[in-house]
Amino acid sequence: MRFEIVNPSDPYTMEAEDLEVAAVACGLIGQGRYGLKALSPDAGAQNDVPIFLLGGHDEWFIGKFGMDWENTARHVLDHRRDALAAAAASVTLDRAERSSLNNIGAIAKQLAKALRSEA
């Protein structure tokens, strides 16, 4: 699945095996400051991830995956680490240069590297 990372600065995309992996990657990269918009034509809004600046993350994760944020993240880290690392590594800036000091791509690459070194 391909997603746009919803953020106030530069246009980034990410690819992930599924919504669960994408949502955890987004949460780890942005700590609730970013959301995801599914880019597949047939994906629909049910595959979007909201921004959690004002909370609500546990309710959303329970509704989607049957576990709160912490338990979903732990499950993905324990059982789907390779998919999570691949999703983080896939984060791409969709233009030639960044316009913001907020380097989402560098954060994502650091996450991917850390996940792969801990495997």
PDB file of N, CA and C in Angstrom:
ATOM      1  N   MET A   1       0.854  -1.172   0.000  1.00  0.00           N
ATOM      2  CA  MET A   1       0.000   0.000   0.000  1.00  0.00           C
ATOM      3  C   MET A   1       0.902   1.238   0.000  1.00  0.00           C
ATOM      4  N   ARG A   2       0.435   2.245  -0.702  1.00  0.00           N
ATOM      5  CA  ARG A   2       1.181   3.509  -0.784  1.00  0.00           C
ATOM      6  C   ARG A   2       0.384   4.595  -0.062  1.00  0.00           C
ATOM      7  N   PHE A   3       1.098   5.420   0.706  1.00  0.00           N
ATOM      8  CA  PHE A   3       0.473   6.455   1.514  1.00  0.00           C
ATOM      9  C   PHE A   3       1.179   7.791   1.336  1.00  0.00           C
ATOM     10  N   GLU A   4       0.420   8.855   1.417  1.00  0.00           N
ATOM     11  CA  GLU A   4       0.975  10.198   1.570  1.00  0.00           C
ATOM     12  C   GLU A   4       1.108  10.439   3.072  1.00  0.00           C
ATOM     13  N   ILE A   5       2.250  10.947   3.507  1.00  0.00           N
ATOM     14  CA  ILE A   5       2.420  11.314   4.910  1.00  0.00           C
ATOM     15  C   ILE A   5       1.873  12.725   5.076  1.00  0.00           C
ATOM     16  N   VAL A   6       0.785  12.839   5.806  1.00  0.00           N
ATOM     17  CA  VAL A   6       0.116  14.126   6.005  1.00  0.00           C
ATOM     18  C   VAL A   6       0.891  14.893   7.070  1.00  0.00           C
ATOM     19  N   ASN A   7       1.461  16.020   6.667  1.00  0.00           N
ATOM     20  CA  ASN A   7       2.278  16.835   7.564  1.00  0.00           C
ATOM     21  C   ASN A   7       2.244  18.273   7.075  1.00  0.00           C
ATOM     22  N   PRO A   8       2.644  19.231   7.909  1.00  0.00           N
ATOM     23  CA  PRO A   8       2.533  20.639   7.525  1.00  0.00           C
ATOM     24  C   PRO A   8       3.674  21.145   6.641  1.00  0.00           C
ATOM     25  N   SER A   9       4.598  20.279   6.260  1.00  0.00           N
ATOM     26  CA  SER A   9       5.731  20.781   5.499  1.00  0.00           C
ATOM     27  C   SER A   9       5.857  20.127   4.136  1.00  0.00           C
ATOM     28  N   ASP A  10       6.781  19.220   3.978  1.00  0.00           N
ATOM     29  CA  ASP A  10       7.125  18.679   2.669  1.00  0.00           C
ATOM     30  C   ASP A  10       6.305  17.440   2.295  1.00  0.00           C
ATOM     31  N   PRO A  11       6.142  17.208   0.978  1.00  0.00           N
ATOM     32  CA  PRO A  11       5.357  16.048   0.526  1.00  0.00           C
ATOM     33  C   PRO A  11       6.190  14.762   0.548  1.00  0.00           C
ATOM     34  N   TYR A  12       5.841  13.875   1.463  1.00  0.00           N
ATOM     35  CA  TYR A  12       6.500  12.576   1.568  1.00  0.00           C
ATOM     36  C   TYR A  12       5.486  11.473   1.322  1.00  0.00           C
ATOM     37  N   THR A  13       5.983  10.346   0.806  1.00  0.00           N
ATOM     38  CA  THR A  13       5.165   9.145   0.672  1.00  0.00           C
ATOM     39  C   THR A  13       5.872   7.988   1.369  1.00  0.00           C
ATOM     40  N   MET A  14       5.091   6.939   1.629  1.00  0.00           N
ATOM     41  CA  MET A  14       5.602   5.733   2.262  1.00  0.00           C
ATOM     42  C   MET A  14       4.853   4.543   1.681  1.00  0.00           C
ATOM     43  N   GLU A  15       5.543   3.429   1.558  1.00  0.00           N
ATOM     44  CA  GLU A  15       4.906   2.183   1.154  1.00  0.00           C
ATOM     45  C   GLU A  15       4.990   1.196   2.302  1.00  0.00           C
ATOM     46  N   ALA A  16       3.921   0.429   2.494  1.00  0.00           N
ATOM     47  CA  ALA A  16       3.882  -0.551   3.577  1.00  0.00           C
ATOM     48  C   ALA A  16       3.060  -1.754   3.145  1.00  0.00           C
ATOM     49  N   GLU A  17       3.331  -2.884   3.789  1.00  0.00           N
ATOM     50  CA  GLU A  17       2.590  -4.112   3.473  1.00  0.00           C
ATOM     51  C   GLU A  17       1.103  -3.956   3.723  1.00  0.00           C
ATOM     52  N   ASP A  18       0.749  -3.230   4.798  1.00  0.00           N
ATOM     53  CA  ASP A  18      -0.652  -3.067   5.142  1.00  0.00           C
ATOM     54  C   ASP A  18      -0.813  -1.877   6.083  1.00  0.00           C
ATOM     55  N   LEU A  19      -2.048  -1.614   6.454  1.00  0.00           N
ATOM     56  CA  LEU A  19      -2.362  -0.457   7.293  1.00  0.00           C
ATOM     57  C   LEU A  19      -1.723  -0.561   8.673  1.00  0.00           C
ATOM     58  N   GLU A  20      -1.689  -1.733   9.258  1.00  0.00           N
ATOM     59  CA  GLU A  20      -1.119  -1.883  10.595  1.00  0.00           C
ATOM     60  C   GLU A  20       0.348  -1.456  10.607  1.00  0.00           C
ATOM     61  N   VAL A  21       1.129  -1.965   9.678  1.00  0.00           N
ATOM     62  CA  VAL A  21       2.553  -1.607   9.594  1.00  0.00           C
ATOM     63  C   VAL A  21       2.703  -0.116   9.312  1.00  0.00           C
ATOM     64  N   ALA A  22       1.906   0.396   8.392  1.00  0.00           N
ATOM     65  CA  ALA A  22       1.982   1.814   8.039  1.00  0.00           C
ATOM     66  C   ALA A  22       1.657   2.702   9.232  1.00  0.00           C
ATOM     67  N   ALA A  23       0.622   2.358   9.976  1.00  0.00           N
ATOM     68  CA  ALA A  23       0.208   3.167  11.124  1.00  0.00           C
ATOM     69  C   ALA A  23       1.269   3.183  12.212  1.00  0.00           C
ATOM     70  N   VAL A  24       1.890   2.048  12.469  1.00  0.00           N
ATOM     71  CA  VAL A  24       2.947   1.995  13.484  1.00  0.00           C
ATOM     72  C   VAL A  24       4.171   2.772  13.003  1.00  0.00           C
ATOM     73  N   ALA A  25       4.547   2.610  11.744  1.00  0.00           N
ATOM     74  CA  ALA A  25       5.687   3.368  11.208  1.00  0.00           C
ATOM     75  C   ALA A  25       5.435   4.862  11.325  1.00  0.00           C
ATOM     76  N   CYS A  26       4.246   5.299  10.949  1.00  0.00           N
ATOM     77  CA  CYS A  26       3.897   6.713  11.023  1.00  0.00           C
ATOM     78  C   CYS A  26       3.958   7.204  12.468  1.00  0.00           C
ATOM     79  N   GLY A  27       3.461   6.411  13.395  1.00  0.00           N
ATOM     80  CA  GLY A  27       3.484   6.783  14.802  1.00  0.00           C
ATOM     81  C   GLY A  27       4.896   6.906  15.348  1.00  0.00           C
ATOM     82  N   LEU A  28       5.772   5.991  14.939  1.00  0.00           N
ATOM     83  CA  LEU A  28       7.157   6.045  15.406  1.00  0.00           C
ATOM     84  C   LEU A  28       7.924   7.201  14.767  1.00  0.00           C
ATOM     85  N   ILE A  29       7.644   7.475  13.508  1.00  0.00           N
ATOM     86  CA  ILE A  29       8.337   8.561  12.812  1.00  0.00           C
ATOM     87  C   ILE A  29       7.879   9.930  13.311  1.00  0.00           C
ATOM     88  N   GLY A  30       6.575  10.090  13.478  1.00  0.00           N
ATOM     89  CA  GLY A  30       6.041  11.417  13.782  1.00  0.00           C
ATOM     90  C   GLY A  30       5.523  11.640  15.180  1.00  0.00           C
ATOM     91  N   GLN A  31       5.477  10.582  15.998  1.00  0.00           N
ATOM     92  CA  GLN A  31       4.992  10.685  17.371  1.00  0.00           C
ATOM     93  C   GLN A  31       3.626  11.372  17.448  1.00  0.00           C
ATOM     94  N   GLY A  32       2.738  11.011  16.517  1.00  0.00           N
ATOM     95  CA  GLY A  32       1.378  11.539  16.516  1.00  0.00           C
ATOM     96  C   GLY A  32       1.198  12.837  15.748  1.00  0.00           C
ATOM     97  N   ARG A  33       2.296  13.428  15.272  1.00  0.00           N
ATOM     98  CA  ARG A  33       2.213  14.715  14.561  1.00  0.00           C
ATOM     99  C   ARG A  33       1.853  14.564  13.092  1.00  0.00           C
ATOM    100  N   TYR A  34       1.933  13.344  12.554  1.00  0.00           N
ATOM    101  CA  TYR A  34       1.647  13.108  11.142  1.00  0.00           C
ATOM    102  C   TYR A  34       0.540  12.078  11.004  1.00  0.00           C
ATOM    103  N   GLY A  35      -0.165  12.160   9.885  1.00  0.00           N
ATOM    104  CA  GLY A  35      -1.159  11.162   9.542  1.00  0.00           C
ATOM    105  C   GLY A  35      -0.779  10.523   8.226  1.00  0.00           C
ATOM    106  N   LEU A  36      -1.638   9.637   7.751  1.00  0.00           N
ATOM    107  CA  LEU A  36      -1.431   8.985   6.455  1.00  0.00           C
ATOM    108  C   LEU A  36      -2.711   9.050   5.649  1.00  0.00           C
ATOM    109  N   LYS A  37      -2.551   9.275   4.359  1.00  0.00           N
ATOM    110  CA  LYS A  37      -3.677   9.210   3.422  1.00  0.00           C
ATOM    111  C   LYS A  37      -3.344   8.120   2.417  1.00  0.00           C
ATOM    112  N   ALA A  38      -4.195   7.103   2.344  1.00  0.00           N
ATOM    113  CA  ALA A  38      -3.970   6.005   1.408  1.00  0.00           C
ATOM    114  C   ALA A  38      -4.079   6.523  -0.017  1.00  0.00           C
ATOM    115  N   LEU A  39      -3.123   6.148  -0.875  1.00  0.00           N
ATOM    116  CA  LEU A  39      -3.097   6.647  -2.246  1.00  0.00           C
ATOM    117  C   LEU A  39      -3.624   5.656  -3.267  1.00  0.00           C
ATOM    118  N   SER A  40      -3.898   4.430  -2.876  1.00  0.00           N
ATOM    119  CA  SER A  40      -4.470   3.460  -3.805  1.00  0.00           C
ATOM    120  C   SER A  40      -5.872   3.900  -4.181  1.00  0.00           C
ATOM    121  N   PRO A  41      -6.221   3.833  -5.463  1.00  0.00           N
ATOM    122  CA  PRO A  41      -7.537   4.310  -5.898  1.00  0.00           C
ATOM    123  C   PRO A  41      -8.704   3.623  -5.199  1.00  0.00           C
ATOM    124  N   ASP A  42      -8.528   2.368  -4.799  1.00  0.00           N
ATOM    125  CA  ASP A  42      -9.613   1.622  -4.168  1.00  0.00           C
ATOM    126  C   ASP A  42      -9.472   1.563  -2.642  1.00  0.00           C
ATOM    127  N   ALA A  43      -8.507   2.287  -2.066  1.00  0.00           N
ATOM    128  CA  ALA A  43      -8.232   2.181  -0.631  1.00  0.00           C
ATOM    129  C   ALA A  43      -9.330   2.795   0.219  1.00  0.00           C
ATOM    130  N   GLY A  44      -9.772   3.977  -0.104  1.00  0.00           N
ATOM    131  CA  GLY A  44     -10.816   4.630   0.681  1.00  0.00           C
ATOM    132  C   GLY A  44     -10.298   5.175   1.999  1.00  0.00           C
ATOM    133  N   ALA A  45     -11.119   6.001   2.629  1.00  0.00           N
ATOM    134  CA  ALA A  45     -10.747   6.673   3.871  1.00  0.00           C
ATOM    135  C   ALA A  45     -10.544   5.703   5.030  1.00  0.00           C
ATOM    136  N   GLN A  46     -11.087   4.489   4.953  1.00  0.00           N
ATOM    137  CA  GLN A  46     -10.899   3.530   6.037  1.00  0.00           C
ATOM    138  C   GLN A  46      -9.436   3.115   6.171  1.00  0.00           C
ATOM    139  N   ASN A  47      -8.614   3.420   5.175  1.00  0.00           N
ATOM    140  CA  ASN A  47      -7.191   3.115   5.239  1.00  0.00           C
ATOM    141  C   ASN A  47      -6.335   4.342   5.508  1.00  0.00           C
ATOM    142  N   ASP A  48      -6.940   5.434   5.931  1.00  0.00           N
ATOM    143  CA  ASP A  48      -6.203   6.628   6.330  1.00  0.00           C
ATOM    144  C   ASP A  48      -5.904   6.556   7.824  1.00  0.00           C
ATOM    145  N   VAL A  49      -4.847   7.227   8.232  1.00  0.00           N
ATOM    146  CA  VAL A  49      -4.474   7.304   9.647  1.00  0.00           C
ATOM    147  C   VAL A  49      -4.557   8.778  10.042  1.00  0.00           C
ATOM    148  N   PRO A  50      -5.348   9.102  11.060  1.00  0.00           N
ATOM    149  CA  PRO A  50      -5.470  10.509  11.461  1.00  0.00           C
ATOM    150  C   PRO A  50      -4.224  11.004  12.191  1.00  0.00           C
ATOM    151  N   ILE A  51      -4.129  12.304  12.316  1.00  0.00           N
ATOM    152  CA  ILE A  51      -3.107  12.941  13.144  1.00  0.00           C
ATOM    153  C   ILE A  51      -3.607  12.865  14.587  1.00  0.00           C
ATOM    154  N   PHE A  52      -2.720  12.532  15.515  1.00  0.00           N
ATOM    155  CA  PHE A  52      -3.117  12.330  16.907  1.00  0.00           C
ATOM    156  C   PHE A  52      -2.545  13.390  17.848  1.00  0.00           C
ATOM    157  N   LEU A  53      -2.429  14.613  17.413  1.00  0.00           N
ATOM    158  CA  LEU A  53      -1.888  15.676  18.260  1.00  0.00           C
ATOM    159  C   LEU A  53      -2.697  15.874  19.539  1.00  0.00           C
ATOM    160  N   LEU A  54      -3.995  15.710  19.435  1.00  0.00           N
ATOM    161  CA  LEU A  54      -4.873  15.941  20.590  1.00  0.00           C
ATOM    162  C   LEU A  54      -5.338  14.642  21.237  1.00  0.00           C
ATOM    163  N   GLY A  55      -4.640  13.552  20.955  1.00  0.00           N
ATOM    164  CA  GLY A  55      -4.998  12.267  21.539  1.00  0.00           C
ATOM    165  C   GLY A  55      -5.911  11.463  20.631  1.00  0.00           C
ATOM    166  N   GLY A  56      -6.517  10.446  21.197  1.00  0.00           N
ATOM    167  CA  GLY A  56      -7.422   9.580  20.452  1.00  0.00           C
ATOM    168  C   GLY A  56      -6.736   8.397  19.797  1.00  0.00           C
ATOM    169  N   HIS A  57      -5.429   8.293  19.955  1.00  0.00           N
ATOM    170  CA  HIS A  57      -4.702   7.218  19.291  1.00  0.00           C
ATOM    171  C   HIS A  57      -5.108   5.841  19.799  1.00  0.00           C
ATOM    172  N   ASP A  58      -5.281   5.668  21.108  1.00  0.00           N
ATOM    173  CA  ASP A  58      -5.650   4.344  21.617  1.00  0.00           C
ATOM    174  C   ASP A  58      -6.999   3.893  21.079  1.00  0.00           C
ATOM    175  N   GLU A  59      -7.977   4.783  21.064  1.00  0.00           N
ATOM    176  CA  GLU A  59      -9.299   4.440  20.558  1.00  0.00           C
ATOM    177  C   GLU A  59      -9.231   4.030  19.088  1.00  0.00           C
ATOM    178  N   TRP A  60      -8.460   4.789  18.300  1.00  0.00           N
ATOM    179  CA  TRP A  60      -8.350   4.483  16.873  1.00  0.00           C
ATOM    180  C   TRP A  60      -7.673   3.128  16.671  1.00  0.00           C
ATOM    181  N   PHE A  61      -6.559   2.887  17.353  1.00  0.00           N
ATOM    182  CA  PHE A  61      -5.844   1.618  17.202  1.00  0.00           C
ATOM    183  C   PHE A  61      -6.701   0.444  17.661  1.00  0.00           C
ATOM    184  N   ILE A  62      -7.433   0.595  18.754  1.00  0.00           N
ATOM    185  CA  ILE A  62      -8.320  -0.480  19.213  1.00  0.00           C
ATOM    186  C   ILE A  62      -9.398  -0.756  18.164  1.00  0.00           C
ATOM    187  N   GLY A  63      -9.972   0.297  17.598  1.00  0.00           N
ATOM    188  CA  GLY A  63     -11.002   0.130  16.570  1.00  0.00           C
ATOM    189  C   GLY A  63     -10.494  -0.552  15.315  1.00  0.00           C
ATOM    190  N   LYS A  64      -9.240  -0.301  14.962  1.00  0.00           N
ATOM    191  CA  LYS A  64      -8.668  -0.886  13.733  1.00  0.00           C
ATOM    192  C   LYS A  64      -8.035  -2.251  13.955  1.00  0.00           C
ATOM    193  N   PHE A  65      -7.304  -2.413  15.076  1.00  0.00           N
ATOM    194  CA  PHE A  65      -6.476  -3.601  15.243  1.00  0.00           C
ATOM    195  C   PHE A  65      -6.783  -4.401  16.508  1.00  0.00           C
ATOM    196  N   GLY A  66      -7.741  -3.931  17.331  1.00  0.00           N
ATOM    197  CA  GLY A  66      -8.122  -4.648  18.533  1.00  0.00           C
ATOM    198  C   GLY A  66      -7.167  -4.472  19.701  1.00  0.00           C
ATOM    199  N   MET A  67      -6.164  -3.599  19.532  1.00  0.00           N
ATOM    200  CA  MET A  67      -5.190  -3.327  20.600  1.00  0.00           C
ATOM    201  C   MET A  67      -4.908  -1.834  20.624  1.00  0.00           C
ATOM    202  N   ASP A  68      -4.550  -1.318  21.800  1.00  0.00           N
ATOM    203  CA  ASP A  68      -4.191   0.088  21.885  1.00  0.00           C
ATOM    204  C   ASP A  68      -2.868   0.340  21.150  1.00  0.00           C
ATOM    205  N   TRP A  69      -2.444   1.619  21.097  1.00  0.00           N
ATOM    206  CA  TRP A  69      -1.225   1.986  20.366  1.00  0.00           C
ATOM    207  C   TRP A  69      -0.019   1.181  20.851  1.00  0.00           C
ATOM    208  N   GLU A  70       0.195   1.155  22.150  1.00  0.00           N
ATOM    209  CA  GLU A  70       1.392   0.505  22.686  1.00  0.00           C
ATOM    210  C   GLU A  70       1.440  -0.979  22.336  1.00  0.00           C
ATOM    211  N   ASN A  71       0.324  -1.669  22.484  1.00  0.00           N
ATOM    212  CA  ASN A  71       0.299  -3.099  22.185  1.00  0.00           C
ATOM    213  C   ASN A  71       0.380  -3.386  20.695  1.00  0.00           C
ATOM    214  N   THR A  72      -0.215  -2.528  19.877  1.00  0.00           N
ATOM    215  CA  THR A  72      -0.087  -2.698  18.423  1.00  0.00           C
ATOM    216  C   THR A  72       1.360  -2.495  18.007  1.00  0.00           C
ATOM    217  N   ALA A  73       1.980  -1.436  18.515  1.00  0.00           N
ATOM    218  CA  ALA A  73       3.383  -1.170  18.186  1.00  0.00           C
ATOM    219  C   ALA A  73       4.270  -2.322  18.647  1.00  0.00           C
ATOM    220  N   ARG A  74       4.039  -2.815  19.846  1.00  0.00           N
ATOM    221  CA  ARG A  74       4.835  -3.938  20.361  1.00  0.00           C
ATOM    222  C   ARG A  74       4.654  -5.170  19.485  1.00  0.00           C
ATOM    223  N   HIS A  75       3.405  -5.453  19.088  1.00  0.00           N
ATOM    224  CA  HIS A  75       3.132  -6.604  18.223  1.00  0.00           C
ATOM    225  C   HIS A  75       3.898  -6.486  16.901  1.00  0.00           C
ATOM    226  N   VAL A  76       3.843  -5.304  16.287  1.00  0.00           N
ATOM    227  CA  VAL A  76       4.536  -5.108  15.006  1.00  0.00           C
ATOM    228  C   VAL A  76       6.047  -5.205  15.206  1.00  0.00           C
ATOM    229  N   LEU A  77       6.567  -4.601  16.252  1.00  0.00           N
ATOM    230  CA  LEU A  77       8.008  -4.689  16.521  1.00  0.00           C
ATOM    231  C   LEU A  77       8.460  -6.132  16.764  1.00  0.00           C
ATOM    232  N   ASP A  78       7.642  -6.902  17.457  1.00  0.00           N
ATOM    233  CA  ASP A  78       8.009  -8.276  17.788  1.00  0.00           C
ATOM    234  C   ASP A  78       7.825  -9.257  16.635  1.00  0.00           C
ATOM    235  N   HIS A  79       6.809  -9.032  15.808  1.00  0.00           N
ATOM    236  CA  HIS A  79       6.447 -10.036  14.802  1.00  0.00           C
ATOM    237  C   HIS A  79       6.570  -9.574  13.354  1.00  0.00           C
ATOM    238  N   ARG A  80       6.729  -8.268  13.135  1.00  0.00           N
ATOM    239  CA  ARG A  80       6.749  -7.766  11.755  1.00  0.00           C
ATOM    240  C   ARG A  80       7.841  -6.710  11.568  1.00  0.00           C
ATOM    241  N   ARG A  81       8.932  -6.878  12.292  1.00  0.00           N
ATOM    242  CA  ARG A  81      10.019  -5.901  12.297  1.00  0.00           C
ATOM    243  C   ARG A  81      10.556  -5.627  10.885  1.00  0.00           C
ATOM    244  N   ASP A  82      10.734  -6.675  10.074  1.00  0.00           N
ATOM    245  CA  ASP A  82      11.257  -6.476   8.719  1.00  0.00           C
ATOM    246  C   ASP A  82      10.315  -5.610   7.879  1.00  0.00           C
ATOM    247  N   ALA A  83       9.017  -5.860   7.993  1.00  0.00           N
ATOM    248  CA  ALA A  83       8.039  -5.060   7.248  1.00  0.00           C
ATOM    249  C   ALA A  83       8.039  -3.613   7.738  1.00  0.00           C
ATOM    250  N   LEU A  84       8.201  -3.426   9.045  1.00  0.00           N
ATOM    251  CA  LEU A  84       8.251  -2.081   9.614  1.00  0.00           C
ATOM    252  C   LEU A  84       9.499  -1.343   9.134  1.00  0.00           C
ATOM    253  N   ALA A  85      10.640  -2.017   9.139  1.00  0.00           N
ATOM    254  CA  ALA A  85      11.881  -1.405   8.646  1.00  0.00           C
ATOM    255  C   ALA A  85      11.759  -1.050   7.167  1.00  0.00           C
ATOM    256  N   ALA A  86      11.147  -1.927   6.383  1.00  0.00           N
ATOM    257  CA  ALA A  86      10.967  -1.652   4.955  1.00  0.00           C
ATOM    258  C   ALA A  86      10.059  -0.446   4.741  1.00  0.00           C
ATOM    259  N   ALA A  87       9.011  -0.331   5.534  1.00  0.00           N
ATOM    260  CA  ALA A  87       8.115   0.823   5.413  1.00  0.00           C
ATOM    261  C   ALA A  87       8.859   2.112   5.736  1.00  0.00           C
ATOM    262  N   ALA A  88       9.622   2.107   6.826  1.00  0.00           N
ATOM    263  CA  ALA A  88      10.383   3.307   7.193  1.00  0.00           C
ATOM    264  C   ALA A  88      11.409   3.650   6.111  1.00  0.00           C
ATOM    265  N   ALA A  89      12.072   2.641   5.580  1.00  0.00           N
ATOM    266  CA  ALA A  89      13.081   2.876   4.539  1.00  0.00           C
ATOM    267  C   ALA A  89      12.469   3.394   3.237  1.00  0.00           C
ATOM    268  N   SER A  90      11.187   3.140   3.032  1.00  0.00           N
ATOM    269  CA  SER A  90      10.538   3.555   1.776  1.00  0.00           C
ATOM    270  C   SER A  90      10.110   5.016   1.762  1.00  0.00           C
ATOM    271  N   VAL A  91      10.214   5.717   2.890  1.00  0.00           N
ATOM    272  CA  VAL A  91       9.779   7.114   2.953  1.00  0.00           C
ATOM    273  C   VAL A  91      10.585   7.934   1.957  1.00  0.00           C
ATOM    274  N   THR A  92       9.858   8.633   1.095  1.00  0.00           N
ATOM    275  CA  THR A  92      10.477   9.356  -0.014  1.00  0.00           C
ATOM    276  C   THR A  92       9.917  10.762  -0.116  1.00  0.00           C
ATOM    277  N   LEU A  93      10.799  11.729  -0.308  1.00  0.00           N
ATOM    278  CA  LEU A  93      10.390  13.105  -0.564  1.00  0.00           C
ATOM    279  C   LEU A  93       9.945  13.200  -2.020  1.00  0.00           C
ATOM    280  N   ASP A  94       8.774  13.749  -2.263  1.00  0.00           N
ATOM    281  CA  ASP A  94       8.207  13.792  -3.607  1.00  0.00           C
ATOM    282  C   ASP A  94       8.505  15.092  -4.350  1.00  0.00           C
ATOM    283  N   ARG A  95       9.679  15.644  -4.114  1.00  0.00           N
ATOM    284  CA  ARG A  95      10.188  16.759  -4.907  1.00  0.00           C
ATOM    285  C   ARG A  95      11.691  16.807  -4.714  1.00  0.00           C
ATOM    286  N   ALA A  96      12.352  17.678  -5.454  1.00  0.00           N
ATOM    287  CA  ALA A  96      13.812  17.687  -5.476  1.00  0.00           C
ATOM    288  C   ALA A  96      14.439  18.110  -4.147  1.00  0.00           C
ATOM    289  N   GLU A  97      13.860  19.085  -3.462  1.00  0.00           N
ATOM    290  CA  GLU A  97      14.474  19.604  -2.240  1.00  0.00           C
ATOM    291  C   GLU A  97      13.449  19.782  -1.146  1.00  0.00           C
ATOM    292  N   ARG A  98      13.930  19.641   0.090  1.00  0.00           N
ATOM    293  CA  ARG A  98      13.089  19.934   1.239  1.00  0.00           C
ATOM    294  C   ARG A  98      12.949  21.432   1.393  1.00  0.00           C
ATOM    295  N   SER A  99      11.796  21.874   1.896  1.00  0.00           N
ATOM    296  CA  SER A  99      11.595  23.291   2.174  1.00  0.00           C
ATOM    297  C   SER A  99      11.523  23.549   3.669  1.00  0.00           C
ATOM    298  N   SER A 100      11.539  22.508   4.457  1.00  0.00           N
ATOM    299  CA  SER A 100      11.352  22.603   5.901  1.00  0.00           C
ATOM    300  C   SER A 100      12.577  22.082   6.631  1.00  0.00           C
ATOM    301  N   LEU A 101      12.786  22.560   7.835  1.00  0.00           N
ATOM    302  CA  LEU A 101      13.839  22.013   8.686  1.00  0.00           C
ATOM    303  C   LEU A 101      13.458  20.631   9.208  1.00  0.00           C
ATOM    304  N   ASN A 102      12.177  20.311   9.131  1.00  0.00           N
ATOM    305  CA  ASN A 102      11.644  19.045   9.603  1.00  0.00           C
ATOM    306  C   ASN A 102      11.957  17.967   8.566  1.00  0.00           C
ATOM    307  N   ASN A 103      12.992  17.165   8.805  1.00  0.00           N
ATOM    308  CA  ASN A 103      13.443  16.183   7.828  1.00  0.00           C
ATOM    309  C   ASN A 103      12.841  14.810   8.133  1.00  0.00           C
ATOM    310  N   ILE A 104      11.623  14.614   7.693  1.00  0.00           N
ATOM    311  CA  ILE A 104      10.896  13.368   7.933  1.00  0.00           C
ATOM    312  C   ILE A 104      11.652  12.186   7.321  1.00  0.00           C
ATOM    313  N   GLY A 105      12.212  12.393   6.155  1.00  0.00           N
ATOM    314  CA  GLY A 105      12.954  11.323   5.489  1.00  0.00           C
ATOM    315  C   GLY A 105      14.144  10.838   6.294  1.00  0.00           C
ATOM    316  N   ALA A 106      14.900  11.752   6.883  1.00  0.00           N
ATOM    317  CA  ALA A 106      16.067  11.365   7.686  1.00  0.00           C
ATOM    318  C   ALA A 106      15.632  10.613   8.945  1.00  0.00           C
ATOM    319  N   ILE A 107      14.558  11.062   9.568  1.00  0.00           N
ATOM    320  CA  ILE A 107      14.037  10.372  10.754  1.00  0.00           C
ATOM    321  C   ILE A 107      13.621   8.952  10.382  1.00  0.00           C
ATOM    322  N   ALA A 108      12.943   8.807   9.252  1.00  0.00           N
ATOM    323  CA  ALA A 108      12.495   7.489   8.803  1.00  0.00           C
ATOM    324  C   ALA A 108      13.679   6.576   8.499  1.00  0.00           C
ATOM    325  N   LYS A 109      14.704   7.101   7.856  1.00  0.00           N
ATOM    326  CA  LYS A 109      15.886   6.291   7.535  1.00  0.00           C
ATOM    327  C   LYS A 109      16.605   5.857   8.810  1.00  0.00           C
ATOM    328  N   GLN A 110      16.674   6.735   9.816  1.00  0.00           N
ATOM    329  CA  GLN A 110      17.285   6.368  11.098  1.00  0.00           C
ATOM    330  C   GLN A 110      16.488   5.258  11.777  1.00  0.00           C
ATOM    331  N   LEU A 111      15.161   5.352  11.705  1.00  0.00           N
ATOM    332  CA  LEU A 111      14.314   4.316  12.276  1.00  0.00           C
ATOM    333  C   LEU A 111      14.562   2.979  11.574  1.00  0.00           C
ATOM    334  N   ALA A 112      14.593   2.988  10.253  1.00  0.00           N
ATOM    335  CA  ALA A 112      14.830   1.755   9.496  1.00  0.00           C
ATOM    336  C   ALA A 112      16.172   1.134   9.864  1.00  0.00           C
ATOM    337  N   LYS A 113      17.193   1.952   9.977  1.00  0.00           N
ATOM    338  CA  LYS A 113      18.525   1.465  10.339  1.00  0.00           C
ATOM    339  C   LYS A 113      18.511   0.856  11.735  1.00  0.00           C
ATOM    340  N   ALA A 114      17.884   1.526  12.691  1.00  0.00           N
ATOM    341  CA  ALA A 114      17.807   1.026  14.065  1.00  0.00           C
ATOM    342  C   ALA A 114      17.044  -0.298  14.120  1.00  0.00           C
ATOM    343  N   LEU A 115      15.960  -0.400  13.382  1.00  0.00           N
ATOM    344  CA  LEU A 115      15.168  -1.631  13.381  1.00  0.00           C
ATOM    345  C   LEU A 115      15.973  -2.793  12.803  1.00  0.00           C
ATOM    346  N   ARG A 116      16.727  -2.532  11.771  1.00  0.00           N
ATOM    347  CA  ARG A 116      17.507  -3.593  11.138  1.00  0.00           C
ATOM    348  C   ARG A 116      18.700  -4.003  11.990  1.00  0.00           C
ATOM    349  N   SER A 117      19.284  -3.069  12.726  1.00  0.00           N
ATOM    350  CA  SER A 117      20.444  -3.415  13.558  1.00  0.00           C
ATOM    351  C   SER A 117      20.034  -4.165  14.819  1.00  0.00           C
ATOM    352  N   GLU A 118      18.791  -4.006  15.251  1.00  0.00           N
ATOM    353  CA  GLU A 118      18.309  -4.698  16.452  1.00  0.00           C
ATOM    354  C   GLU A 118      17.726  -6.060  16.149  1.00  0.00           C
ATOM    355  N   ALA A 119      17.608  -6.394  14.883  1.00  0.00           N
ATOM    356  CA  ALA A 119      16.979  -7.683  14.497  1.00  0.00           C
ATOM    357  C   ALA A 119      17.814  -8.867  14.901  1.00  0.00           C
TER     358      ALA A 119
END
